[in-house]
Amino acid sequence: MRIAILEISHWHVPLYLPAFTELGITPVAVSDEQPGYAERFAGQYSGCTPYVEYVELLEKERPDFVFAFGRYRLQPEIATNLLERRIPFVIEKPLGTDASQFNRLISLAKQNDVFVAIPLTNRAAPFSQAVMELRESGRMGQIRHGHFRYAGGPVQRYVDSGCPWMLKAEESGGGALRNLGVHYADLFRWFTGSKEVRVGSAHLRRITPGIPVEEYANVTFCGDDDAFTNVEIAYTYPADAADVVWNVSDGKTYVTYRDGATCIITEDGVEERGGHSVPGLYQDFVKDTLQAYREGLAPLAALEDMHRAMVLVDACYALAGE
């Protein structure tokens, strides 16, 4: 399979590469709009051709499958080019700076019958799989309350990784809420199965002087049958790591992820499940996605899933007055 990578300066790209190595995949071509990036990256692989313009890559190389990244503002354009060429692809979240172009992309994907996968990788975490197994088996009823906290590293990491555009709202669509909040908007809807989800509250804060996007956000979502969750996300952890705590409960069963471990807590005791690492989730995502494509199966998350999460995040920004 001829695989290409578009816009390789994105900081998520290194999370995908271990899976390429494990699977023996050598990209046939890579692109990046910043001169020199693609050349340096392509030098790691024999026979990999670098491009500055991703459209030129698609026209000349005609890849069988693409992993696409890029500035959030440009992602809908990249997706459109891939869909029009009927090339199956993965594209990093959030696929745009807002939800406005998703209906067009979803329609084009259906019209051209194109496989599209979105790496909402937290769905594959042991915590998430445990929640869904409990719900589907009847051991856990409707989730009444949830709390998700993810405090990632400071904004300087985006500058250091060559992605200073992440601090420009016109390019990124916002700060921590847009970048990280989409994961938890997705998980809440997925866990609860809610048909209607609304935003209960939204508080955004800029912390560092001179940083024009929010580094902290605290929002609440309300779903079907009184389901409720609080989501707290930030760029405030003082290291290249994160403070992560996830909890959901139906009033009797309590599922928690903290300190790297998942626990299911009931009146009968505690059942321990595994933890996860972010690199591990992405490595599994690459392998599972390529297998799903080959076997004609659905991806972990599709355009429709990303759209629903983006609509909720858009509503948070609107309520917060950003």
C-alpha atoms as a PDB file:
ATOM      1  CA  MET A   1       0.000   0.000   0.000  1.00  0.00           C
ATOM      2  CA  ARG A   2       1.409   3.382  -1.065  1.00  0.00           C
ATOM      3  CA  ILE A   3       1.020   5.663   1.968  1.00  0.00           C
ATOM      4  CA  ALA A   4       1.693   9.403   2.070  1.00  0.00           C
ATOM      5  CA  ILE A   5       1.798  11.876   4.951  1.00  0.00           C
ATOM      6  CA  LEU A   6       0.577  15.437   4.452  1.00  0.00           C
ATOM      7  CA  GLU A   7       1.869  18.396   6.503  1.00  0.00           C
ATOM      8  CA  ILE A   8       4.427  16.553   8.613  1.00  0.00           C
ATOM      9  CA  SER A   9       5.424  19.512  10.829  1.00  0.00           C
ATOM     10  CA  HIS A  10       2.311  18.900  12.951  1.00  0.00           C
ATOM     11  CA  TRP A  11       3.306  17.871  16.488  1.00  0.00           C
ATOM     12  CA  HIS A  12       1.134  14.737  16.385  1.00  0.00           C
ATOM     13  CA  VAL A  13       3.134  13.130  13.576  1.00  0.00           C
ATOM     14  CA  PRO A  14       5.764  11.508  15.869  1.00  0.00           C
ATOM     15  CA  LEU A  15       2.956   9.635  17.658  1.00  0.00           C
ATOM     16  CA  TYR A  16       2.153   7.776  14.429  1.00  0.00           C
ATOM     17  CA  LEU A  17       5.655   6.829  13.346  1.00  0.00           C
ATOM     18  CA  PRO A  18       6.285   3.892  15.749  1.00  0.00           C
ATOM     19  CA  ALA A  19       3.316   2.093  14.200  1.00  0.00           C
ATOM     20  CA  PHE A  20       4.737   2.689  10.734  1.00  0.00           C
ATOM     21  CA  THR A  21       8.005   1.140  11.856  1.00  0.00           C
ATOM     22  CA  GLU A  22       6.250  -1.843  13.451  1.00  0.00           C
ATOM     23  CA  LEU A  23       4.160  -2.431  10.334  1.00  0.00           C
ATOM     24  CA  GLY A  24       7.124  -1.965   7.994  1.00  0.00           C
ATOM     25  CA  ILE A  25       5.549   1.035   6.298  1.00  0.00           C
ATOM     26  CA  THR A  26       7.760   3.443   4.378  1.00  0.00           C
ATOM     27  CA  PRO A  27       5.848   6.519   3.196  1.00  0.00           C
ATOM     28  CA  VAL A  28       6.235   7.068  -0.534  1.00  0.00           C
ATOM     29  CA  ALA A  29       5.966  10.836  -0.120  1.00  0.00           C
ATOM     30  CA  VAL A  30       5.522  13.563   2.477  1.00  0.00           C
ATOM     31  CA  SER A  31       4.579  17.227   2.286  1.00  0.00           C
ATOM     32  CA  ASP A  32       4.796  20.355   4.362  1.00  0.00           C
ATOM     33  CA  GLU A  33       4.057  23.961   3.508  1.00  0.00           C
ATOM     34  CA  GLN A  34       7.118  25.127   5.459  1.00  0.00           C
ATOM     35  CA  PRO A  35      10.189  24.860   3.179  1.00  0.00           C
ATOM     36  CA  GLY A  36      12.763  22.361   4.370  1.00  0.00           C
ATOM     37  CA  TYR A  37      10.497  20.365   6.678  1.00  0.00           C
ATOM     38  CA  ALA A  38       9.521  17.706   4.152  1.00  0.00           C
ATOM     39  CA  GLU A  39      13.089  17.325   2.892  1.00  0.00           C
ATOM     40  CA  ARG A  40      14.458  16.711   6.378  1.00  0.00           C
ATOM     41  CA  PHE A  41      11.692  14.286   7.222  1.00  0.00           C
ATOM     42  CA  ALA A  42      11.906  12.348   3.955  1.00  0.00           C
ATOM     43  CA  GLY A  43      15.608  11.788   4.581  1.00  0.00           C
ATOM     44  CA  GLN A  44      14.656   9.209   7.224  1.00  0.00           C
ATOM     45  CA  TYR A  45      13.147   6.922   4.577  1.00  0.00           C
ATOM     46  CA  SER A  46      14.543   5.369   1.436  1.00  0.00           C
ATOM     47  CA  GLY A  47      12.538   6.324  -1.647  1.00  0.00           C
ATOM     48  CA  CYS A  48      10.380   8.927   0.118  1.00  0.00           C
ATOM     49  CA  THR A  49       9.805  12.028  -2.027  1.00  0.00           C
ATOM     50  CA  PRO A  50       9.352  15.423  -0.320  1.00  0.00           C
ATOM     51  CA  TYR A  51       6.927  18.117  -1.473  1.00  0.00           C
ATOM     52  CA  VAL A  52       6.086  21.614  -0.307  1.00  0.00           C
ATOM     53  CA  GLU A  53       2.636  21.557  -1.959  1.00  0.00           C
ATOM     54  CA  TYR A  54       0.449  18.652  -0.879  1.00  0.00           C
ATOM     55  CA  VAL A  55      -1.731  18.982  -3.995  1.00  0.00           C
ATOM     56  CA  GLU A  56       1.324  18.359  -6.159  1.00  0.00           C
ATOM     57  CA  LEU A  57       2.078  15.268  -4.084  1.00  0.00           C
ATOM     58  CA  LEU A  58      -1.445  13.918  -4.620  1.00  0.00           C
ATOM     59  CA  GLU A  59      -1.305  14.568  -8.364  1.00  0.00           C
ATOM     60  CA  LYS A  60       2.125  13.031  -8.928  1.00  0.00           C
ATOM     61  CA  GLU A  61       2.224  10.209  -6.389  1.00  0.00           C
ATOM     62  CA  ARG A  62      -1.408   9.035  -6.378  1.00  0.00           C
ATOM     63  CA  PRO A  63      -1.143   7.377  -2.936  1.00  0.00           C
ATOM     64  CA  ASP A  64      -3.434   4.534  -1.884  1.00  0.00           C
ATOM     65  CA  PHE A  65      -3.912   5.926   1.640  1.00  0.00           C
ATOM     66  CA  VAL A  66      -3.063   9.229   3.331  1.00  0.00           C
ATOM     67  CA  PHE A  67      -2.394  10.408   6.860  1.00  0.00           C
ATOM     68  CA  ALA A  68      -3.231  14.135   6.873  1.00  0.00           C
ATOM     69  CA  PHE A  69      -2.378  16.790   9.438  1.00  0.00           C
ATOM     70  CA  GLY A  70      -1.881  20.525   8.883  1.00  0.00           C
ATOM     71  CA  ARG A  71      -3.073  23.799  10.329  1.00  0.00           C
ATOM     72  CA  TYR A  72      -6.663  23.495  11.473  1.00  0.00           C
ATOM     73  CA  ARG A  73      -7.801  26.268   9.141  1.00  0.00           C
ATOM     74  CA  LEU A  74      -6.454  24.309   6.145  1.00  0.00           C
ATOM     75  CA  GLN A  75      -7.772  20.880   7.142  1.00  0.00           C
ATOM     76  CA  PRO A  76     -11.190  21.181   5.423  1.00  0.00           C
ATOM     77  CA  GLU A  77      -9.405  22.089   2.168  1.00  0.00           C
ATOM     78  CA  ILE A  78      -7.069  19.099   2.540  1.00  0.00           C
ATOM     79  CA  ALA A  79     -10.006  16.788   3.265  1.00  0.00           C
ATOM     80  CA  THR A  80     -11.893  18.111   0.230  1.00  0.00           C
ATOM     81  CA  ASN A  81      -8.946  17.388  -2.075  1.00  0.00           C
ATOM     82  CA  LEU A  82      -8.694  13.831  -0.741  1.00  0.00           C
ATOM     83  CA  LEU A  83     -12.431  13.205  -0.970  1.00  0.00           C
ATOM     84  CA  GLU A  84     -12.629  14.507  -4.539  1.00  0.00           C
ATOM     85  CA  ARG A  85      -9.797  12.145  -5.505  1.00  0.00           C
ATOM     86  CA  ARG A  86     -11.482   9.272  -3.633  1.00  0.00           C
ATOM     87  CA  ILE A  87      -8.361   8.633  -1.535  1.00  0.00           C
ATOM     88  CA  PRO A  88      -9.038   6.979   1.859  1.00  0.00           C
ATOM     89  CA  PHE A  89      -7.452   8.846   4.726  1.00  0.00           C
ATOM     90  CA  VAL A  90      -6.926   9.620   8.384  1.00  0.00           C
ATOM     91  CA  ILE A  91      -7.048  13.294   9.315  1.00  0.00           C
ATOM     92  CA  GLU A  92      -6.113  14.718  12.700  1.00  0.00           C
ATOM     93  CA  LYS A  93      -8.812  16.303  14.794  1.00  0.00           C
ATOM     94  CA  PRO A  94     -10.478  18.782  14.930  1.00  0.00           C
ATOM     95  CA  LEU A  95     -10.673  19.104  11.111  1.00  0.00           C
ATOM     96  CA  GLY A  96     -11.265  22.827  10.975  1.00  0.00           C
ATOM     97  CA  THR A  97     -11.641  25.898  13.144  1.00  0.00           C
ATOM     98  CA  ASP A  98     -15.386  25.323  13.622  1.00  0.00           C
ATOM     99  CA  ALA A  99     -18.174  23.001  12.512  1.00  0.00           C
ATOM    100  CA  SER A 100     -19.291  25.023   9.491  1.00  0.00           C
ATOM    101  CA  GLN A 101     -17.813  22.822   6.736  1.00  0.00           C
ATOM    102  CA  PHE A 102     -18.663  19.378   8.068  1.00  0.00           C
ATOM    103  CA  ASN A 103     -22.016  18.910   6.326  1.00  0.00           C
ATOM    104  CA  ARG A 104     -20.314  19.474   2.977  1.00  0.00           C
ATOM    105  CA  LEU A 105     -17.487  17.066   3.816  1.00  0.00           C
ATOM    106  CA  ILE A 106     -19.852  14.380   5.111  1.00  0.00           C
ATOM    107  CA  SER A 107     -21.961  14.648   1.961  1.00  0.00           C
ATOM    108  CA  LEU A 108     -18.884  14.411  -0.274  1.00  0.00           C
ATOM    109  CA  ALA A 109     -17.560  11.385   1.644  1.00  0.00           C
ATOM    110  CA  LYS A 110     -20.871   9.574   1.204  1.00  0.00           C
ATOM    111  CA  GLN A 111     -21.192  10.566  -2.431  1.00  0.00           C
ATOM    112  CA  ASN A 112     -17.692   9.292  -3.272  1.00  0.00           C
ATOM    113  CA  ASP A 113     -17.766   6.368  -0.805  1.00  0.00           C
ATOM    114  CA  VAL A 114     -14.471   7.318   0.874  1.00  0.00           C
ATOM    115  CA  PHE A 115     -13.118   5.793   4.086  1.00  0.00           C
ATOM    116  CA  VAL A 116     -12.329   8.585   6.570  1.00  0.00           C
ATOM    117  CA  ALA A 117     -11.006   8.014  10.100  1.00  0.00           C
ATOM    118  CA  ILE A 118     -10.649  10.611  12.853  1.00  0.00           C
ATOM    119  CA  PRO A 119      -8.194   9.872  15.698  1.00  0.00           C
ATOM    120  CA  LEU A 120     -10.509  10.415  18.642  1.00  0.00           C
ATOM    121  CA  THR A 121      -8.159   7.986  20.322  1.00  0.00           C
ATOM    122  CA  ASN A 122      -9.565   8.301  23.849  1.00  0.00           C
ATOM    123  CA  ARG A 123     -12.387   6.027  22.691  1.00  0.00           C
ATOM    124  CA  ALA A 124      -9.869   3.178  22.660  1.00  0.00           C
ATOM    125  CA  ALA A 125      -8.526   3.792  26.189  1.00  0.00           C
ATOM    126  CA  PRO A 126      -9.196   0.978  28.698  1.00  0.00           C
ATOM    127  CA  PHE A 127     -11.343   3.408  30.716  1.00  0.00           C
ATOM    128  CA  SER A 128     -13.579   4.141  27.722  1.00  0.00           C
ATOM    129  CA  GLN A 129     -13.796   0.501  26.691  1.00  0.00           C
ATOM    130  CA  ALA A 130     -14.732  -0.462  30.255  1.00  0.00           C
ATOM    131  CA  VAL A 131     -17.527   2.118  30.344  1.00  0.00           C
ATOM    132  CA  MET A 132     -18.957   0.935  27.031  1.00  0.00           C
ATOM    133  CA  GLU A 133     -18.722  -2.734  28.018  1.00  0.00           C
ATOM    134  CA  LEU A 134     -20.581  -2.015  31.271  1.00  0.00           C
ATOM    135  CA  ARG A 135     -23.256  -0.019  29.451  1.00  0.00           C
ATOM    136  CA  GLU A 136     -23.751  -2.604  26.716  1.00  0.00           C
ATOM    137  CA  SER A 137     -23.875  -5.535  29.164  1.00  0.00           C
ATOM    138  CA  GLY A 138     -26.408  -3.803  31.395  1.00  0.00           C
ATOM    139  CA  ARG A 139     -24.062  -3.632  34.363  1.00  0.00           C
ATOM    140  CA  MET A 140     -24.157   0.150  34.186  1.00  0.00           C
ATOM    141  CA  GLY A 141     -27.209   2.291  33.530  1.00  0.00           C
ATOM    142  CA  GLN A 142     -27.425   5.779  32.121  1.00  0.00           C
ATOM    143  CA  ILE A 143     -24.530   7.920  33.239  1.00  0.00           C
ATOM    144  CA  ARG A 144     -25.780  10.540  35.674  1.00  0.00           C
ATOM    145  CA  HIS A 145     -22.566  12.381  36.254  1.00  0.00           C
ATOM    146  CA  GLY A 146     -19.083  12.574  34.783  1.00  0.00           C
ATOM    147  CA  HIS A 147     -15.962  14.625  35.274  1.00  0.00           C
ATOM    148  CA  PHE A 148     -13.044  14.819  32.865  1.00  0.00           C
ATOM    149  CA  ARG A 149      -9.869  16.728  33.673  1.00  0.00           C
ATOM    150  CA  TYR A 150      -6.929  17.000  31.309  1.00  0.00           C
ATOM    151  CA  ALA A 151      -4.242  19.564  32.027  1.00  0.00           C
ATOM    152  CA  GLY A 152      -1.558  19.350  29.373  1.00  0.00           C
ATOM    153  CA  GLY A 153       1.786  21.061  29.019  1.00  0.00           C
ATOM    154  CA  PRO A 154       2.236  24.822  28.533  1.00  0.00           C
ATOM    155  CA  VAL A 155       1.682  26.640  25.251  1.00  0.00           C
ATOM    156  CA  GLN A 156       5.425  27.006  24.646  1.00  0.00           C
ATOM    157  CA  ARG A 157       5.469  23.362  23.536  1.00  0.00           C
ATOM    158  CA  TYR A 158       3.609  24.333  20.348  1.00  0.00           C
ATOM    159  CA  VAL A 159       6.181  27.008  19.553  1.00  0.00           C
ATOM    160  CA  ASP A 160       9.031  24.597  20.285  1.00  0.00           C
ATOM    161  CA  SER A 161       7.515  21.895  18.054  1.00  0.00           C
ATOM    162  CA  GLY A 162       7.278  24.235  15.061  1.00  0.00           C
ATOM    163  CA  CYS A 163       3.530  24.896  15.316  1.00  0.00           C
ATOM    164  CA  PRO A 164       3.236  28.507  16.600  1.00  0.00           C
ATOM    165  CA  TRP A 165      -0.001  28.810  14.577  1.00  0.00           C
ATOM    166  CA  MET A 166      -1.688  26.927  17.438  1.00  0.00           C
ATOM    167  CA  LEU A 167      -1.633  30.206  19.371  1.00  0.00           C
ATOM    168  CA  LYS A 168      -3.487  32.094  16.636  1.00  0.00           C
ATOM    169  CA  ALA A 169      -7.255  31.626  16.883  1.00  0.00           C
ATOM    170  CA  GLU A 170      -7.763  32.318  13.176  1.00  0.00           C
ATOM    171  CA  GLU A 171      -5.551  29.305  12.373  1.00  0.00           C
ATOM    172  CA  SER A 172      -6.450  26.966  15.240  1.00  0.00           C
ATOM    173  CA  GLY A 173     -10.033  27.901  16.085  1.00  0.00           C
ATOM    174  CA  GLY A 174      -9.158  28.554  19.713  1.00  0.00           C
ATOM    175  CA  GLY A 175      -7.023  27.219  22.509  1.00  0.00           C
ATOM    176  CA  ALA A 176      -7.355  24.346  24.966  1.00  0.00           C
ATOM    177  CA  LEU A 177     -11.107  23.998  24.454  1.00  0.00           C
ATOM    178  CA  ARG A 178     -10.874  23.483  20.695  1.00  0.00           C
ATOM    179  CA  ASN A 179      -7.762  21.340  20.792  1.00  0.00           C
ATOM    180  CA  LEU A 180      -8.529  19.120  23.794  1.00  0.00           C
ATOM    181  CA  GLY A 181     -12.200  19.667  24.555  1.00  0.00           C
ATOM    182  CA  VAL A 182     -13.398  17.890  21.409  1.00  0.00           C
ATOM    183  CA  HIS A 183     -12.211  14.582  22.900  1.00  0.00           C
ATOM    184  CA  TYR A 184     -14.498  14.916  25.906  1.00  0.00           C
ATOM    185  CA  ALA A 185     -17.457  16.327  24.013  1.00  0.00           C
ATOM    186  CA  ASP A 186     -17.175  13.147  21.941  1.00  0.00           C
ATOM    187  CA  LEU A 187     -16.796  10.811  24.927  1.00  0.00           C
ATOM    188  CA  PHE A 188     -19.812  12.247  26.756  1.00  0.00           C
ATOM    189  CA  ARG A 189     -22.111  11.794  23.781  1.00  0.00           C
ATOM    190  CA  TRP A 190     -20.670   8.347  23.038  1.00  0.00           C
ATOM    191  CA  PHE A 191     -20.931   7.085  26.619  1.00  0.00           C
ATOM    192  CA  THR A 192     -24.454   8.362  27.195  1.00  0.00           C
ATOM    193  CA  GLY A 193     -25.884   7.712  23.737  1.00  0.00           C
ATOM    194  CA  SER A 194     -27.592  11.093  24.031  1.00  0.00           C
ATOM    195  CA  LYS A 195     -29.460  12.294  20.980  1.00  0.00           C
ATOM    196  CA  GLU A 196     -29.574  15.836  22.291  1.00  0.00           C
ATOM    197  CA  VAL A 197     -26.666  17.420  24.141  1.00  0.00           C
ATOM    198  CA  ARG A 198     -26.578  21.036  25.271  1.00  0.00           C
ATOM    199  CA  VAL A 199     -23.979  23.202  26.929  1.00  0.00           C
ATOM    200  CA  GLY A 200     -24.859  24.093  30.517  1.00  0.00           C
ATOM    201  CA  SER A 201     -21.996  26.490  31.219  1.00  0.00           C
ATOM    202  CA  ALA A 202     -18.709  27.610  29.709  1.00  0.00           C
ATOM    203  CA  HIS A 203     -15.869  29.499  31.358  1.00  0.00           C
ATOM    204  CA  LEU A 204     -12.654  30.288  29.464  1.00  0.00           C
ATOM    205  CA  ARG A 205      -9.532  31.978  30.753  1.00  0.00           C
ATOM    206  CA  ARG A 206      -6.345  33.402  29.274  1.00  0.00           C
ATOM    207  CA  ILE A 207      -3.573  33.014  31.836  1.00  0.00           C
ATOM    208  CA  THR A 208      -0.202  33.927  30.331  1.00  0.00           C
ATOM    209  CA  PRO A 209       0.209  37.594  29.308  1.00  0.00           C
ATOM    210  CA  GLY A 210       0.451  37.920  25.551  1.00  0.00           C
ATOM    211  CA  ILE A 211      -1.150  34.561  24.731  1.00  0.00           C
ATOM    212  CA  PRO A 212      -4.266  35.284  22.632  1.00  0.00           C
ATOM    213  CA  VAL A 213      -6.065  31.927  23.071  1.00  0.00           C
ATOM    214  CA  GLU A 214      -7.577  30.385  26.200  1.00  0.00           C
ATOM    215  CA  GLU A 215      -5.267  28.218  28.255  1.00  0.00           C
ATOM    216  CA  TYR A 216      -8.008  27.039  30.589  1.00  0.00           C
ATOM    217  CA  ALA A 217     -11.625  26.033  30.017  1.00  0.00           C
ATOM    218  CA  ASN A 218     -14.291  24.625  32.297  1.00  0.00           C
ATOM    219  CA  VAL A 219     -17.521  23.577  30.583  1.00  0.00           C
ATOM    220  CA  THR A 220     -20.541  21.422  31.370  1.00  0.00           C
ATOM    221  CA  PHE A 221     -22.633  19.262  29.059  1.00  0.00           C
ATOM    222  CA  CYS A 222     -26.174  18.015  29.681  1.00  0.00           C
ATOM    223  CA  GLY A 223     -27.575  14.995  27.814  1.00  0.00           C
ATOM    224  CA  ASP A 224     -30.574  12.671  27.710  1.00  0.00           C
ATOM    225  CA  ASP A 225     -32.133  11.376  30.957  1.00  0.00           C
ATOM    226  CA  ASP A 226     -30.428  14.071  33.063  1.00  0.00           C
ATOM    227  CA  ALA A 227     -26.917  12.926  32.080  1.00  0.00           C
ATOM    228  CA  PHE A 228     -24.400  15.587  33.107  1.00  0.00           C
ATOM    229  CA  THR A 229     -20.646  16.067  32.934  1.00  0.00           C
ATOM    230  CA  ASN A 230     -18.020  18.635  33.766  1.00  0.00           C
ATOM    231  CA  VAL A 231     -14.991  19.023  31.488  1.00  0.00           C
ATOM    232  CA  GLU A 232     -11.885  20.832  32.664  1.00  0.00           C
ATOM    233  CA  ILE A 233      -9.041  21.298  30.209  1.00  0.00           C
ATOM    234  CA  ALA A 234      -5.893  23.372  30.299  1.00  0.00           C
ATOM    235  CA  TYR A 235      -2.435  24.170  28.989  1.00  0.00           C
ATOM    236  CA  THR A 236      -1.086  24.625  32.515  1.00  0.00           C
ATOM    237  CA  TYR A 237       0.881  21.511  33.465  1.00  0.00           C
ATOM    238  CA  PRO A 238       4.531  22.569  33.921  1.00  0.00           C
ATOM    239  CA  ALA A 239       6.059  19.729  31.910  1.00  0.00           C
ATOM    240  CA  ASP A 240       5.728  17.755  28.708  1.00  0.00           C
ATOM    241  CA  ALA A 241       3.164  15.517  30.385  1.00  0.00           C
ATOM    242  CA  ALA A 242      -0.380  15.868  31.718  1.00  0.00           C
ATOM    243  CA  ASP A 243      -2.593  15.703  34.798  1.00  0.00           C
ATOM    244  CA  VAL A 244      -5.445  13.363  33.838  1.00  0.00           C
ATOM    245  CA  VAL A 245      -8.490  12.262  35.866  1.00  0.00           C
ATOM    246  CA  TRP A 246     -11.679  10.820  34.349  1.00  0.00           C
ATOM    247  CA  ASN A 247     -14.778   9.674  36.271  1.00  0.00           C
ATOM    248  CA  VAL A 248     -18.301   8.585  35.334  1.00  0.00           C
ATOM    249  CA  SER A 249     -21.122   7.184  37.457  1.00  0.00           C
ATOM    250  CA  ASP A 250     -24.704   5.981  37.043  1.00  0.00           C
ATOM    251  CA  GLY A 251     -25.321   6.500  40.760  1.00  0.00           C
ATOM    252  CA  LYS A 252     -24.250   2.990  41.738  1.00  0.00           C
ATOM    253  CA  THR A 253     -21.301   2.027  39.566  1.00  0.00           C
ATOM    254  CA  TYR A 254     -18.329   4.381  39.515  1.00  0.00           C
ATOM    255  CA  VAL A 255     -15.625   4.112  36.855  1.00  0.00           C
ATOM    256  CA  THR A 256     -12.480   6.128  37.345  1.00  0.00           C
ATOM    257  CA  TYR A 257      -9.153   6.659  35.613  1.00  0.00           C
ATOM    258  CA  ARG A 258      -6.393   8.280  37.626  1.00  0.00           C
ATOM    259  CA  ASP A 259      -2.735   7.684  38.379  1.00  0.00           C
ATOM    260  CA  GLY A 260      -2.498   5.607  35.205  1.00  0.00           C
ATOM    261  CA  ALA A 261      -5.095   2.987  36.179  1.00  0.00           C
ATOM    262  CA  THR A 262      -8.779   2.304  35.520  1.00  0.00           C
ATOM    263  CA  CYS A 263     -10.999   1.072  38.371  1.00  0.00           C
ATOM    264  CA  ILE A 264     -14.632  -0.068  38.375  1.00  0.00           C
ATOM    265  CA  ILE A 265     -16.049   0.549  41.856  1.00  0.00           C
ATOM    266  CA  THR A 266     -19.333  -0.934  43.100  1.00  0.00           C
ATOM    267  CA  GLU A 267     -20.776  -1.963  46.458  1.00  0.00           C
ATOM    268  CA  ASP A 268     -19.247  -5.388  45.782  1.00  0.00           C
ATOM    269  CA  GLY A 269     -15.707  -4.044  45.590  1.00  0.00           C
ATOM    270  CA  VAL A 270     -13.124  -2.751  43.151  1.00  0.00           C
ATOM    271  CA  GLU A 271     -12.286  -4.237  39.759  1.00  0.00           C
ATOM    272  CA  GLU A 272      -9.034  -3.002  38.279  1.00  0.00           C
ATOM    273  CA  ARG A 273      -8.432  -2.496  34.581  1.00  0.00           C
ATOM    274  CA  GLY A 274      -5.400  -1.277  32.689  1.00  0.00           C
ATOM    275  CA  GLY A 275      -4.179   2.195  31.985  1.00  0.00           C
ATOM    276  CA  HIS A 276      -2.926   3.701  28.757  1.00  0.00           C
ATOM    277  CA  SER A 277      -0.291   5.950  27.281  1.00  0.00           C
ATOM    278  CA  VAL A 278      -0.979   8.518  24.594  1.00  0.00           C
ATOM    279  CA  PRO A 279       1.731   7.088  22.286  1.00  0.00           C
ATOM    280  CA  GLY A 280       0.268   3.614  22.797  1.00  0.00           C
ATOM    281  CA  LEU A 281      -3.229   4.778  21.846  1.00  0.00           C
ATOM    282  CA  TYR A 282      -1.936   6.304  18.616  1.00  0.00           C
ATOM    283  CA  GLN A 283       0.144   3.268  17.766  1.00  0.00           C
ATOM    284  CA  ASP A 284      -2.911   1.039  18.154  1.00  0.00           C
ATOM    285  CA  PHE A 285      -5.014   3.530  16.215  1.00  0.00           C
ATOM    286  CA  VAL A 286      -2.773   3.328  13.154  1.00  0.00           C
ATOM    287  CA  LYS A 287      -2.755  -0.480  13.142  1.00  0.00           C
ATOM    288  CA  ASP A 288      -6.489  -0.813  13.824  1.00  0.00           C
ATOM    289  CA  THR A 289      -7.440   1.829  11.264  1.00  0.00           C
ATOM    290  CA  LEU A 290      -5.466   0.261   8.426  1.00  0.00           C
ATOM    291  CA  GLN A 291      -6.923  -3.135   9.309  1.00  0.00           C
ATOM    292  CA  ALA A 292     -10.461  -1.702   9.371  1.00  0.00           C
ATOM    293  CA  TYR A 293      -9.913  -0.136   5.948  1.00  0.00           C
ATOM    294  CA  ARG A 294      -8.604  -3.381   4.447  1.00  0.00           C
ATOM    295  CA  GLU A 295     -11.509  -5.371   5.894  1.00  0.00           C
ATOM    296  CA  GLY A 296     -14.207  -2.869   4.969  1.00  0.00           C
ATOM    297  CA  LEU A 297     -15.043  -2.063   8.599  1.00  0.00           C
ATOM    298  CA  ALA A 298     -15.986   1.225  10.228  1.00  0.00           C
ATOM    299  CA  PRO A 299     -13.217   3.397  11.733  1.00  0.00           C
ATOM    300  CA  LEU A 300     -12.894   4.162  15.438  1.00  0.00           C
ATOM    301  CA  ALA A 301     -14.533   7.535  14.799  1.00  0.00           C
ATOM    302  CA  ALA A 302     -15.926   9.052  11.611  1.00  0.00           C
ATOM    303  CA  LEU A 303     -16.647  12.510  10.214  1.00  0.00           C
ATOM    304  CA  GLU A 304     -20.101  12.495  11.802  1.00  0.00           C
ATOM    305  CA  ASP A 305     -18.600  11.897  15.247  1.00  0.00           C
ATOM    306  CA  MET A 306     -16.142  14.757  14.852  1.00  0.00           C
ATOM    307  CA  HIS A 307     -18.933  17.008  13.604  1.00  0.00           C
ATOM    308  CA  ARG A 308     -21.075  16.403  16.678  1.00  0.00           C
ATOM    309  CA  ALA A 309     -18.146  17.167  18.990  1.00  0.00           C
ATOM    310  CA  MET A 310     -17.284  20.347  17.083  1.00  0.00           C
ATOM    311  CA  VAL A 311     -20.877  21.605  17.280  1.00  0.00           C
ATOM    312  CA  LEU A 312     -20.723  21.297  21.067  1.00  0.00           C
ATOM    313  CA  VAL A 313     -17.377  23.098  21.256  1.00  0.00           C
ATOM    314  CA  ASP A 314     -18.706  25.863  19.011  1.00  0.00           C
ATOM    315  CA  ALA A 315     -21.642  26.257  21.405  1.00  0.00           C
ATOM    316  CA  CYS A 316     -19.215  26.535  24.347  1.00  0.00           C
ATOM    317  CA  TYR A 317     -17.357  29.382  22.661  1.00  0.00           C
ATOM    318  CA  ALA A 318     -20.617  31.115  21.826  1.00  0.00           C
ATOM    319  CA  LEU A 319     -21.867  30.859  25.415  1.00  0.00           C
ATOM    320  CA  ALA A 320     -18.557  32.070  26.813  1.00  0.00           C
ATOM    321  CA  GLY A 321     -18.652  35.046  24.469  1.00  0.00           C
ATOM    322  CA  GLU A 322     -15.314  34.242  22.840  1.00  0.00           C
END
